[in-house]
N, C-alpha and C. Protein backbone atom coordinates (compact mmCIF):
# COMPACT_ATOMS: atom_id res chain seq x y z
N MET A 1 -35.96 25.43 -62.51
CA MET A 1 -35.99 24.86 -61.18
C MET A 1 -36.88 23.61 -61.15
N MET A 2 -38.02 23.70 -61.83
CA MET A 2 -38.94 22.58 -61.81
C MET A 2 -38.32 21.33 -62.44
N LYS A 3 -37.53 21.55 -63.50
CA LYS A 3 -36.93 20.41 -64.15
C LYS A 3 -35.96 19.68 -63.23
N SER A 4 -35.27 20.40 -62.38
CA SER A 4 -34.31 19.76 -61.49
C SER A 4 -34.96 18.92 -60.43
N LYS A 5 -36.24 19.16 -60.14
CA LYS A 5 -36.96 18.39 -59.12
C LYS A 5 -37.94 17.38 -59.73
N SER A 6 -37.97 17.26 -61.06
CA SER A 6 -38.94 16.38 -61.68
C SER A 6 -38.75 14.91 -61.31
N TRP A 7 -37.50 14.52 -61.04
CA TRP A 7 -37.26 13.12 -60.68
C TRP A 7 -37.96 12.77 -59.37
N ILE A 8 -38.11 13.74 -58.48
CA ILE A 8 -38.81 13.47 -57.23
C ILE A 8 -40.28 13.18 -57.49
N LEU A 9 -40.88 13.93 -58.41
CA LEU A 9 -42.30 13.69 -58.76
C LEU A 9 -42.46 12.32 -59.38
N TRP A 10 -41.54 11.90 -60.25
CA TRP A 10 -41.61 10.56 -60.83
C TRP A 10 -41.54 9.51 -59.74
N LEU A 11 -40.66 9.72 -58.77
CA LEU A 11 -40.48 8.73 -57.70
C LEU A 11 -41.71 8.65 -56.81
N ILE A 12 -42.32 9.78 -56.48
CA ILE A 12 -43.55 9.79 -55.66
C ILE A 12 -44.66 9.06 -56.42
N GLY A 13 -44.79 9.35 -57.72
CA GLY A 13 -45.79 8.66 -58.54
C GLY A 13 -45.56 7.15 -58.55
N ALA A 14 -44.28 6.76 -58.63
CA ALA A 14 -43.95 5.34 -58.66
C ALA A 14 -44.36 4.66 -57.35
N ILE A 15 -44.05 5.30 -56.25
CA ILE A 15 -44.40 4.73 -54.95
C ILE A 15 -45.92 4.56 -54.82
N CYS A 16 -46.66 5.58 -55.25
CA CYS A 16 -48.14 5.52 -55.18
C CYS A 16 -48.66 4.38 -56.06
N LEU A 17 -48.15 4.24 -57.26
CA LEU A 17 -48.63 3.20 -58.15
C LEU A 17 -48.30 1.79 -57.61
N ILE A 18 -47.10 1.65 -57.07
CA ILE A 18 -46.73 0.34 -56.51
C ILE A 18 -47.61 0.00 -55.31
N ILE A 19 -47.86 0.95 -54.47
CA ILE A 19 -48.75 0.71 -53.30
C ILE A 19 -50.14 0.34 -53.77
N ALA A 20 -50.66 1.09 -54.77
CA ALA A 20 -51.99 0.76 -55.31
C ALA A 20 -51.99 -0.64 -55.92
N GLY A 21 -50.91 -1.00 -56.59
CA GLY A 21 -50.83 -2.35 -57.18
C GLY A 21 -50.82 -3.43 -56.12
N ILE A 22 -50.09 -3.22 -55.05
CA ILE A 22 -50.06 -4.21 -53.96
C ILE A 22 -51.43 -4.33 -53.33
N MET A 23 -52.13 -3.22 -53.15
CA MET A 23 -53.47 -3.26 -52.57
C MET A 23 -54.42 -4.02 -53.47
N ARG A 24 -54.30 -3.82 -54.78
CA ARG A 24 -55.14 -4.56 -55.73
C ARG A 24 -54.83 -6.09 -55.66
N LEU A 25 -53.54 -6.41 -55.52
CA LEU A 25 -53.19 -7.84 -55.43
C LEU A 25 -53.76 -8.44 -54.17
N ILE A 26 -53.76 -7.71 -53.08
CA ILE A 26 -54.32 -8.21 -51.82
C ILE A 26 -55.82 -8.46 -51.99
N GLU A 27 -56.49 -7.59 -52.76
CA GLU A 27 -57.92 -7.74 -53.01
C GLU A 27 -58.21 -8.80 -54.05
N LYS A 28 -57.19 -9.46 -54.54
CA LYS A 28 -57.27 -10.52 -55.55
C LYS A 28 -57.74 -9.98 -56.92
N ARG A 29 -57.41 -8.77 -57.20
CA ARG A 29 -57.60 -8.18 -58.54
C ARG A 29 -56.25 -8.21 -59.22
N TYR A 30 -55.90 -9.38 -59.71
CA TYR A 30 -54.52 -9.63 -60.17
C TYR A 30 -54.13 -8.82 -61.40
N SER A 31 -55.04 -8.71 -62.37
CA SER A 31 -54.64 -8.04 -63.63
C SER A 31 -54.44 -6.53 -63.39
N SER A 32 -55.35 -5.89 -62.68
CA SER A 32 -55.15 -4.44 -62.46
C SER A 32 -54.00 -4.18 -61.49
N GLY A 33 -53.78 -5.09 -60.53
CA GLY A 33 -52.65 -4.96 -59.61
C GLY A 33 -51.34 -5.06 -60.33
N ALA A 34 -51.26 -6.02 -61.27
CA ALA A 34 -50.01 -6.17 -62.03
C ALA A 34 -49.76 -4.95 -62.90
N ILE A 35 -50.83 -4.40 -63.48
CA ILE A 35 -50.66 -3.21 -64.32
C ILE A 35 -50.13 -2.04 -63.49
N PHE A 36 -50.69 -1.83 -62.30
CA PHE A 36 -50.21 -0.74 -61.44
C PHE A 36 -48.76 -0.95 -61.04
N ILE A 37 -48.38 -2.17 -60.75
CA ILE A 37 -46.97 -2.42 -60.34
C ILE A 37 -46.04 -2.20 -61.51
N VAL A 38 -46.42 -2.63 -62.70
CA VAL A 38 -45.58 -2.42 -63.89
C VAL A 38 -45.43 -0.91 -64.14
N LEU A 39 -46.53 -0.17 -64.04
CA LEU A 39 -46.44 1.28 -64.19
C LEU A 39 -45.55 1.92 -63.13
N GLY A 40 -45.67 1.42 -61.90
CA GLY A 40 -44.81 1.92 -60.81
C GLY A 40 -43.34 1.69 -61.11
N VAL A 41 -43.01 0.52 -61.60
CA VAL A 41 -41.60 0.21 -61.96
C VAL A 41 -41.15 1.12 -63.12
N ALA A 42 -42.01 1.35 -64.08
CA ALA A 42 -41.68 2.26 -65.18
C ALA A 42 -41.41 3.66 -64.66
N TYR A 43 -42.20 4.12 -63.70
CA TYR A 43 -41.99 5.44 -63.12
C TYR A 43 -40.68 5.49 -62.34
N VAL A 44 -40.30 4.41 -61.71
CA VAL A 44 -39.00 4.37 -61.01
C VAL A 44 -37.87 4.53 -62.03
N ILE A 45 -38.01 3.86 -63.16
CA ILE A 45 -37.00 3.97 -64.22
C ILE A 45 -36.94 5.41 -64.76
N PHE A 46 -38.11 6.03 -64.97
CA PHE A 46 -38.13 7.41 -65.43
C PHE A 46 -37.47 8.33 -64.41
N SER A 47 -37.71 8.07 -63.13
CA SER A 47 -37.12 8.87 -62.07
C SER A 47 -35.58 8.78 -62.11
N ILE A 48 -35.06 7.58 -62.24
CA ILE A 48 -33.62 7.37 -62.28
C ILE A 48 -33.04 8.04 -63.50
N THR A 49 -33.68 7.87 -64.64
CA THR A 49 -33.21 8.47 -65.88
C THR A 49 -33.19 9.99 -65.78
N SER A 50 -34.23 10.55 -65.24
CA SER A 50 -34.32 12.02 -65.08
C SER A 50 -33.23 12.52 -64.13
N TYR A 51 -33.00 11.83 -63.06
CA TYR A 51 -31.99 12.22 -62.08
C TYR A 51 -30.60 12.19 -62.71
N LYS A 52 -30.31 11.10 -63.44
CA LYS A 52 -28.99 11.00 -64.08
C LYS A 52 -28.81 12.09 -65.16
N GLY A 53 -29.88 12.35 -65.90
CA GLY A 53 -29.79 13.38 -66.95
C GLY A 53 -29.52 14.75 -66.37
N ILE A 54 -30.17 15.07 -65.30
CA ILE A 54 -29.98 16.39 -64.65
C ILE A 54 -28.55 16.50 -64.12
N ASN A 55 -28.04 15.46 -63.49
CA ASN A 55 -26.69 15.49 -62.96
C ASN A 55 -25.65 15.53 -64.04
N LYS A 56 -25.94 14.89 -65.18
CA LYS A 56 -25.01 14.92 -66.29
C LYS A 56 -24.90 16.35 -66.86
N ILE A 57 -26.01 17.05 -66.91
CA ILE A 57 -25.99 18.41 -67.42
C ILE A 57 -25.21 19.33 -66.49
N ARG A 58 -25.33 19.13 -65.19
CA ARG A 58 -24.69 20.02 -64.23
C ARG A 58 -23.18 19.89 -64.22
N LYS A 59 -22.64 18.80 -64.68
CA LYS A 59 -21.19 18.64 -64.67
C LYS A 59 -20.61 19.51 -65.81
N ASN A 60 -19.58 20.23 -65.51
CA ASN A 60 -18.93 21.11 -66.49
C ASN A 60 -17.59 20.49 -66.85
N PRO A 61 -17.50 19.78 -68.00
CA PRO A 61 -16.28 19.09 -68.36
C PRO A 61 -15.22 20.00 -68.98
N LEU A 62 -15.44 21.31 -69.00
CA LEU A 62 -14.51 22.21 -69.65
C LEU A 62 -13.32 22.54 -68.74
N SER A 63 -12.15 22.60 -69.36
CA SER A 63 -10.97 23.01 -68.62
C SER A 63 -10.92 24.54 -68.55
N ASP A 64 -9.98 25.08 -67.80
CA ASP A 64 -9.84 26.52 -67.67
C ASP A 64 -9.50 27.17 -69.01
N GLU A 65 -8.67 26.51 -69.79
CA GLU A 65 -8.29 27.02 -71.10
C GLU A 65 -9.50 27.06 -72.03
N GLU A 66 -10.30 26.02 -72.01
CA GLU A 66 -11.50 26.00 -72.86
C GLU A 66 -12.47 27.07 -72.45
N LEU A 67 -12.61 27.32 -71.15
CA LEU A 67 -13.49 28.37 -70.68
C LEU A 67 -12.99 29.77 -71.12
N LYS A 68 -11.67 29.97 -71.11
CA LYS A 68 -11.12 31.24 -71.57
C LYS A 68 -11.40 31.43 -73.07
N ASN A 69 -11.20 30.36 -73.84
CA ASN A 69 -11.49 30.42 -75.28
C ASN A 69 -12.96 30.73 -75.52
N MET A 70 -13.83 30.10 -74.74
CA MET A 70 -15.24 30.35 -74.89
C MET A 70 -15.58 31.79 -74.52
N ASP A 71 -14.95 32.31 -73.48
CA ASP A 71 -15.19 33.70 -73.10
C ASP A 71 -14.78 34.64 -74.22
N ASN A 72 -13.67 34.35 -74.88
CA ASN A 72 -13.23 35.20 -75.99
C ASN A 72 -14.24 35.11 -77.13
N GLU A 73 -14.75 33.92 -77.43
CA GLU A 73 -15.75 33.78 -78.48
C GLU A 73 -17.02 34.53 -78.13
N LEU A 74 -17.41 34.44 -76.85
CA LEU A 74 -18.63 35.14 -76.42
C LEU A 74 -18.44 36.65 -76.50
N ARG A 75 -17.24 37.14 -76.12
CA ARG A 75 -16.97 38.59 -76.23
C ARG A 75 -17.04 39.07 -77.67
N GLU A 76 -16.53 38.24 -78.60
CA GLU A 76 -16.63 38.60 -80.02
C GLU A 76 -18.07 38.70 -80.47
N LEU A 77 -18.88 37.72 -80.05
CA LEU A 77 -20.32 37.78 -80.40
C LEU A 77 -20.99 39.02 -79.83
N ILE A 78 -20.63 39.35 -78.60
CA ILE A 78 -21.22 40.52 -77.93
C ILE A 78 -20.85 41.78 -78.67
N THR A 79 -19.56 41.92 -79.05
CA THR A 79 -19.14 43.13 -79.74
C THR A 79 -19.73 43.22 -81.15
N ASP A 80 -20.09 42.07 -81.73
CA ASP A 80 -20.76 42.07 -83.03
C ASP A 80 -22.25 42.34 -82.89
N GLY A 81 -22.72 42.49 -81.67
CA GLY A 81 -24.13 42.79 -81.44
C GLY A 81 -25.02 41.55 -81.44
N GLU A 82 -24.45 40.39 -81.23
CA GLU A 82 -25.20 39.14 -81.25
C GLU A 82 -25.23 38.50 -79.87
N ARG A 83 -25.87 39.22 -78.96
CA ARG A 83 -25.94 38.74 -77.57
C ARG A 83 -26.75 37.45 -77.46
N ILE A 84 -27.80 37.35 -78.26
CA ILE A 84 -28.67 36.13 -78.19
C ILE A 84 -27.87 34.90 -78.59
N LYS A 85 -27.05 35.04 -79.64
CA LYS A 85 -26.20 33.90 -80.04
C LYS A 85 -25.19 33.57 -78.96
N ALA A 86 -24.68 34.59 -78.28
CA ALA A 86 -23.73 34.37 -77.18
C ALA A 86 -24.40 33.60 -76.05
N ILE A 87 -25.65 33.99 -75.73
CA ILE A 87 -26.38 33.29 -74.67
C ILE A 87 -26.62 31.84 -75.06
N LYS A 88 -27.04 31.62 -76.31
CA LYS A 88 -27.29 30.25 -76.79
C LYS A 88 -26.02 29.42 -76.74
N LYS A 89 -24.91 29.99 -77.17
CA LYS A 89 -23.66 29.26 -77.16
C LYS A 89 -23.25 28.88 -75.73
N TYR A 90 -23.40 29.82 -74.80
CA TYR A 90 -23.04 29.53 -73.41
C TYR A 90 -23.90 28.41 -72.86
N ARG A 91 -25.18 28.45 -73.19
CA ARG A 91 -26.11 27.43 -72.70
C ARG A 91 -25.75 26.05 -73.28
N MET A 92 -25.42 26.02 -74.56
CA MET A 92 -25.08 24.75 -75.20
C MET A 92 -23.81 24.14 -74.60
N VAL A 93 -22.82 24.97 -74.37
CA VAL A 93 -21.51 24.51 -73.90
C VAL A 93 -21.58 24.08 -72.43
N THR A 94 -22.26 24.87 -71.60
CA THR A 94 -22.22 24.59 -70.16
C THR A 94 -23.46 23.86 -69.65
N GLY A 95 -24.56 23.88 -70.39
CA GLY A 95 -25.79 23.27 -69.91
C GLY A 95 -26.52 24.15 -68.91
N ALA A 96 -26.17 25.43 -68.86
CA ALA A 96 -26.77 26.37 -67.93
C ALA A 96 -28.17 26.72 -68.36
N GLY A 97 -28.94 27.24 -67.42
CA GLY A 97 -30.29 27.71 -67.71
C GLY A 97 -30.24 29.07 -68.40
N LEU A 98 -31.40 29.51 -68.85
CA LEU A 98 -31.50 30.78 -69.60
C LEU A 98 -31.08 31.98 -68.75
N ILE A 99 -31.59 32.01 -67.53
CA ILE A 99 -31.27 33.17 -66.67
C ILE A 99 -29.80 33.23 -66.32
N GLU A 100 -29.25 32.06 -65.99
CA GLU A 100 -27.83 32.00 -65.65
C GLU A 100 -26.96 32.43 -66.84
N ALA A 101 -27.31 31.95 -68.04
CA ALA A 101 -26.55 32.28 -69.24
C ALA A 101 -26.67 33.77 -69.53
N LYS A 102 -27.87 34.34 -69.40
CA LYS A 102 -28.05 35.77 -69.64
C LYS A 102 -27.25 36.59 -68.68
N GLU A 103 -27.25 36.23 -67.42
CA GLU A 103 -26.46 36.95 -66.41
C GLU A 103 -24.95 36.87 -66.71
N TYR A 104 -24.50 35.70 -67.16
CA TYR A 104 -23.08 35.53 -67.50
C TYR A 104 -22.69 36.42 -68.67
N VAL A 105 -23.52 36.39 -69.72
CA VAL A 105 -23.26 37.22 -70.90
C VAL A 105 -23.31 38.70 -70.53
N ASP A 106 -24.26 39.09 -69.68
CA ASP A 106 -24.34 40.48 -69.22
C ASP A 106 -23.08 40.88 -68.47
N SER A 107 -22.56 39.96 -67.66
CA SER A 107 -21.32 40.28 -66.91
C SER A 107 -20.14 40.44 -67.86
N LEU A 108 -20.12 39.65 -68.95
CA LEU A 108 -19.04 39.81 -69.95
C LEU A 108 -19.18 41.14 -70.69
N SER A 109 -20.45 41.51 -70.99
CA SER A 109 -20.63 42.75 -71.73
C SER A 109 -20.29 43.96 -70.84
N LYS A 110 -20.52 43.86 -69.53
CA LYS A 110 -20.15 44.91 -68.61
C LYS A 110 -18.62 45.06 -68.55
N GLU A 111 -17.91 43.92 -68.62
CA GLU A 111 -16.44 43.96 -68.60
C GLU A 111 -15.95 44.64 -69.88
N GLU A 112 -16.66 44.44 -71.00
CA GLU A 112 -16.27 45.04 -72.27
C GLU A 112 -16.41 46.56 -72.23
N THR A 113 -17.45 47.04 -71.55
CA THR A 113 -17.68 48.49 -71.52
C THR A 113 -16.73 49.23 -70.56
N LYS A 114 -16.09 48.50 -69.66
CA LYS A 114 -15.17 49.14 -68.70
C LYS A 114 -13.88 49.56 -69.34
């Protein structure tokens, strides 16, 4: 959860640094003001990069057929007793978090036992 909100922290930091830089420029402390503004711009860039990265992970480019194939592969891993590998595979393919992947694999294993 924290990772999904990290871009907000970068943006808040950027705003604070830019404001501090402007205040330094007003006080005629040009070198430190410029440094604060440059750092603020860098933080804005980090914020944008973090936001794009998080949204890229959340997109699931798999088709229904690919998801069915993945489910079959996960079921095979579960029946072989390799639940951890199944969880890792699900996370790699979908970009899901650990808890979400574990719950998904658990739901597949419950279907297997029925």
